[in-house]
C-alpha cells in the first residue's frame, strides 16, 4: 500500500479471506496493489478518514 506521494506504508502477504488493516494510517488517499499466485495484478484506491 502506498500513500499519495508513492511511499510504501504497508506491505503484507495475505490470503483471499484476509483483510487489510488501515488502523494507524493517517487520513488520506492510498493505493493498494496486489497480485495473485497466477501473476494477475490488481490495483485499488481507498480513502482513509
PDB file of N, CA and C in Angstrom:
ATOM      1  N   UNK A   1       0.861  -1.152   0.000  1.00  0.00           N
ATOM      2  CA  UNK A   1       0.000   0.000   0.000  1.00  0.00           C
ATOM      3  C   UNK A   1       0.911   1.219   0.000  1.00  0.00           C
ATOM      4  N   UNK A   2       0.576   2.191  -0.841  1.00  0.00           N
ATOM      5  CA  UNK A   2       1.365   3.413  -0.922  1.00  0.00           C
ATOM      6  C   UNK A   2       0.488   4.632  -0.656  1.00  0.00           C
ATOM      7  N   UNK A   3       1.124   5.697  -0.175  1.00  0.00           N
ATOM      8  CA  UNK A   3       0.386   6.943   0.031  1.00  0.00           C
ATOM      9  C   UNK A   3       0.402   7.752  -1.267  1.00  0.00           C
ATOM     10  N   UNK A   4      -0.169   8.946  -1.250  1.00  0.00           N
ATOM     11  CA  UNK A   4      -0.271   9.754  -2.473  1.00  0.00           C
ATOM     12  C   UNK A   4       1.093  10.197  -3.006  1.00  0.00           C
ATOM     13  N   UNK A   5       2.117  10.155  -2.170  1.00  0.00           N
ATOM     14  CA  UNK A   5       3.458  10.519  -2.611  1.00  0.00           C
ATOM     15  C   UNK A   5       4.227   9.320  -3.154  1.00  0.00           C
ATOM     16  N   UNK A   6       3.607   8.131  -3.109  1.00  0.00           N
ATOM     17  CA  UNK A   6       4.256   6.926  -3.609  1.00  0.00           C
ATOM     18  C   UNK A   6       5.098   6.197  -2.589  1.00  0.00           C
ATOM     19  N   UNK A   7       5.062   6.648  -1.338  1.00  0.00           N
ATOM     20  CA  UNK A   7       5.819   5.984  -0.279  1.00  0.00           C
ATOM     21  C   UNK A   7       5.090   4.729   0.185  1.00  0.00           C
ATOM     22  N   UNK A   8       5.820   3.647   0.329  1.00  0.00           N
ATOM     23  CA  UNK A   8       5.230   2.406   0.822  1.00  0.00           C
ATOM     24  C   UNK A   8       4.902   2.569   2.303  1.00  0.00           C
ATOM     25  N   UNK A   9       3.643   2.335   2.671  1.00  0.00           N
ATOM     26  CA  UNK A   9       3.228   2.492   4.063  1.00  0.00           C
ATOM     27  C   UNK A   9       2.847   1.166   4.706  1.00  0.00           C
ATOM     28  N   UNK A  10       2.624   0.150   3.894  1.00  0.00           N
ATOM     29  CA  UNK A  10       2.257  -1.152   4.442  1.00  0.00           C
ATOM     30  C   UNK A  10       2.521  -2.218   3.385  1.00  0.00           C
ATOM     31  N   UNK A  11       3.143  -3.319   3.814  1.00  0.00           N
ATOM     32  CA  UNK A  11       3.400  -4.460   2.943  1.00  0.00           C
ATOM     33  C   UNK A  11       2.985  -5.712   3.691  1.00  0.00           C
ATOM     34  N   UNK A  12       2.281  -6.609   3.015  1.00  0.00           N
ATOM     35  CA  UNK A  12       1.818  -7.830   3.672  1.00  0.00           C
ATOM     36  C   UNK A  12       1.579  -8.924   2.648  1.00  0.00           C
ATOM     37  N   UNK A  13       1.652 -10.152   3.124  1.00  0.00           N
ATOM     38  CA  UNK A  13       1.244 -11.306   2.335  1.00  0.00           C
ATOM     39  C   UNK A  13      -0.068 -11.785   2.925  1.00  0.00           C
ATOM     40  N   UNK A  14      -1.113 -11.788   2.110  1.00  0.00           N
ATOM     41  CA  UNK A  14      -2.456 -12.107   2.595  1.00  0.00           C
ATOM     42  C   UNK A  14      -3.038 -13.293   1.849  1.00  0.00           C
ATOM     43  N   UNK A  15      -3.981 -13.957   2.499  1.00  0.00           N
ATOM     44  CA  UNK A  15      -4.771 -14.972   1.817  1.00  0.00           C
ATOM     45  C   UNK A  15      -6.025 -14.298   1.279  1.00  0.00           C
ATOM     46  N   UNK A  16      -6.799 -15.020   0.524  1.00  0.00           N
ATOM     47  CA  UNK A  16      -8.006 -14.467  -0.095  1.00  0.00           C
ATOM     48  C   UNK A  16      -8.977 -13.918   0.937  1.00  0.00           C
ATOM     49  N   UNK A  17      -9.070 -14.533   2.089  1.00  0.00           N
ATOM     50  CA  UNK A  17     -10.077 -14.138   3.077  1.00  0.00           C
ATOM     51  C   UNK A  17      -9.590 -13.101   4.078  1.00  0.00           C
ATOM     52  N   UNK A  18      -8.326 -12.735   4.039  1.00  0.00           N
ATOM     53  CA  UNK A  18      -7.815 -11.754   4.990  1.00  0.00           C
ATOM     54  C   UNK A  18      -8.155 -10.336   4.554  1.00  0.00           C
ATOM     55  N   UNK A  19      -8.161  -9.431   5.528  1.00  0.00           N
ATOM     56  CA  UNK A  19      -8.452  -8.030   5.265  1.00  0.00           C
ATOM     57  C   UNK A  19      -7.209  -7.190   5.519  1.00  0.00           C
ATOM     58  N   UNK A  20      -7.147  -6.058   4.865  1.00  0.00           N
ATOM     59  CA  UNK A  20      -6.039  -5.127   5.050  1.00  0.00           C
ATOM     60  C   UNK A  20      -6.406  -4.174   6.176  1.00  0.00           C
ATOM     61  N   UNK A  21      -5.579  -4.124   7.203  1.00  0.00           N
ATOM     62  CA  UNK A  21      -5.830  -3.234   8.336  1.00  0.00           C
ATOM     63  C   UNK A  21      -5.393  -1.815   7.977  1.00  0.00           C
ATOM     64  N   UNK A  22      -6.261  -0.854   8.216  1.00  0.00           N
ATOM     65  CA  UNK A  22      -5.922   0.546   7.950  1.00  0.00           C
ATOM     66  C   UNK A  22      -5.788   1.345   9.245  1.00  0.00           C
ATOM     67  N   UNK A  23      -5.951   0.690  10.375  1.00  0.00           N
ATOM     68  CA  UNK A  23      -5.783   1.400  11.645  1.00  0.00           C
ATOM     69  C   UNK A  23      -4.335   1.878  11.751  1.00  0.00           C
ATOM     70  N   UNK A  24      -4.166   3.061  12.260  1.00  0.00           N
ATOM     71  CA  UNK A  24      -2.839   3.637  12.398  1.00  0.00           C
ATOM     72  C   UNK A  24      -2.378   4.429  11.184  1.00  0.00           C
ATOM     73  N   UNK A  25      -3.121   4.360  10.080  1.00  0.00           N
ATOM     74  CA  UNK A  25      -2.764   5.157   8.907  1.00  0.00           C
ATOM     75  C   UNK A  25      -3.364   6.551   9.031  1.00  0.00           C
ATOM     76  N   UNK A  26      -2.621   7.536   8.578  1.00  0.00           N
ATOM     77  CA  UNK A  26      -3.127   8.908   8.578  1.00  0.00           C
ATOM     78  C   UNK A  26      -4.265   9.016   7.565  1.00  0.00           C
ATOM     79  N   UNK A  27      -5.228   9.889   7.819  1.00  0.00           N
ATOM     80  CA  UNK A  27      -6.300  10.095   6.839  1.00  0.00           C
ATOM     81  C   UNK A  27      -5.716  10.509   5.489  1.00  0.00           C
ATOM     82  N   UNK A  28      -6.302   9.991   4.429  1.00  0.00           N
ATOM     83  CA  UNK A  28      -5.837  10.343   3.094  1.00  0.00           C
ATOM     84  C   UNK A  28      -6.140   9.259   2.084  1.00  0.00           C
ATOM     85  N   UNK A  29      -5.639   9.459   0.874  1.00  0.00           N
ATOM     86  CA  UNK A  29      -5.858   8.538  -0.232  1.00  0.00           C
ATOM     87  C   UNK A  29      -4.672   7.586  -0.334  1.00  0.00           C
ATOM     88  N   UNK A  30      -4.952   6.302  -0.512  1.00  0.00           N
ATOM     89  CA  UNK A  30      -3.928   5.270  -0.613  1.00  0.00           C
ATOM     90  C   UNK A  30      -4.197   4.404  -1.832  1.00  0.00           C
ATOM     91  N   UNK A  31      -3.138   3.822  -2.363  1.00  0.00           N
ATOM     92  CA  UNK A  31      -3.252   2.886  -3.477  1.00  0.00           C
ATOM     93  C   UNK A  31      -2.827   1.515  -2.983  1.00  0.00           C
ATOM     94  N   UNK A  32      -3.679   0.540  -3.216  1.00  0.00           N
ATOM     95  CA  UNK A  32      -3.416  -0.841  -2.824  1.00  0.00           C
ATOM     96  C   UNK A  32      -3.118  -1.633  -4.084  1.00  0.00           C
ATOM     97  N   UNK A  33      -1.956  -2.268  -4.107  1.00  0.00           N
ATOM     98  CA  UNK A  33      -1.585  -3.115  -5.240  1.00  0.00           C
ATOM     99  C   UNK A  33      -1.441  -4.539  -4.729  1.00  0.00           C
ATOM    100  N   UNK A  34      -2.019  -5.471  -5.478  1.00  0.00           N
ATOM    101  CA  UNK A  34      -1.960  -6.877  -5.080  1.00  0.00           C
ATOM    102  C   UNK A  34      -1.770  -7.740  -6.316  1.00  0.00           C
ATOM    103  N   UNK A  35      -1.208  -8.907  -6.100  1.00  0.00           N
ATOM    104  CA  UNK A  35      -1.102  -9.882  -7.185  1.00  0.00           C
ATOM    105  C   UNK A  35      -1.454 -11.248  -6.627  1.00  0.00           C
ATOM    106  N   UNK A  36      -2.003 -12.084  -7.489  1.00  0.00           N
ATOM    107  CA  UNK A  36      -2.359 -13.427  -7.046  1.00  0.00           C
ATOM    108  C   UNK A  36      -1.258 -14.408  -7.450  1.00  0.00           C
ATOM    109  N   UNK A  37      -1.449 -15.666  -7.097  1.00  0.00           N
ATOM    110  CA  UNK A  37      -0.419 -16.676  -7.355  1.00  0.00           C
ATOM    111  C   UNK A  37      -0.222 -16.954  -8.838  1.00  0.00           C
ATOM    112  N   UNK A  38      -1.156 -16.510  -9.671  1.00  0.00           N
ATOM    113  CA  UNK A  38      -1.029 -16.694 -11.115  1.00  0.00           C
ATOM    114  C   UNK A  38      -0.437 -15.456 -11.792  1.00  0.00           C
ATOM    115  N   UNK A  39      -0.032 -14.465 -10.988  1.00  0.00           N
ATOM    116  CA  UNK A  39       0.617 -13.277 -11.520  1.00  0.00           C
ATOM    117  C   UNK A  39      -0.313 -12.163 -11.957  1.00  0.00           C
ATOM    118  N   UNK A  40      -1.613 -12.335 -11.775  1.00  0.00           N
ATOM    119  CA  UNK A  40      -2.553 -11.266 -12.144  1.00  0.00           C
ATOM    120  C   UNK A  40      -2.419 -10.118 -11.149  1.00  0.00           C
ATOM    121  N   UNK A  41      -2.434  -8.901 -11.664  1.00  0.00           N
ATOM    122  CA  UNK A  41      -2.259  -7.703 -10.850  1.00  0.00           C
ATOM    123  C   UNK A  41      -3.596  -7.013 -10.603  1.00  0.00           C
ATOM    124  N   UNK A  42      -3.762  -6.477  -9.409  1.00  0.00           N
ATOM    125  CA  UNK A  42      -4.970  -5.749  -9.032  1.00  0.00           C
ATOM    126  C   UNK A  42      -4.550  -4.439  -8.385  1.00  0.00           C
ATOM    127  N   UNK A  43      -5.257  -3.370  -8.713  1.00  0.00           N
ATOM    128  CA  UNK A  43      -4.979  -2.057  -8.127  1.00  0.00           C
ATOM    129  C   UNK A  43      -6.300  -1.466  -7.667  1.00  0.00           C
ATOM    130  N   UNK A  44      -6.289  -0.913  -6.461  1.00  0.00           N
ATOM    131  CA  UNK A  44      -7.489  -0.287  -5.916  1.00  0.00           C
ATOM    132  C   UNK A  44      -7.065   0.936  -5.123  1.00  0.00           C
ATOM    133  N   UNK A  45      -7.899   1.945  -5.121  1.00  0.00           N
ATOM    134  CA  UNK A  45      -7.632   3.134  -4.307  1.00  0.00           C
ATOM    135  C   UNK A  45      -8.611   3.153  -3.156  1.00  0.00           C
ATOM    136  N   UNK A  46      -8.141   3.605  -2.011  1.00  0.00           N
ATOM    137  CA  UNK A  46      -9.039   3.703  -0.874  1.00  0.00           C
ATOM    138  C   UNK A  46      -8.775   4.977  -0.102  1.00  0.00           C
ATOM    139  N   UNK A  47      -9.838   5.502   0.477  1.00  0.00           N
ATOM    140  CA  UNK A  47      -9.771   6.723   1.264  1.00  0.00           C
ATOM    141  C   UNK A  47      -9.882   6.342   2.734  1.00  0.00           C
ATOM    142  N   UNK A  48      -8.903   6.751   3.516  1.00  0.00           N
ATOM    143  CA  UNK A  48      -8.934   6.545   4.962  1.00  0.00           C
ATOM    144  C   UNK A  48      -9.357   7.864   5.583  1.00  0.00           C
ATOM    145  N   UNK A  49     -10.399   7.802   6.415  1.00  0.00           N
ATOM    146  CA  UNK A  49     -10.894   9.030   7.052  1.00  0.00           C
ATOM    147  C   UNK A  49     -10.582   9.051   8.517  1.00  0.00           C
TER     148      UNK A  49
END
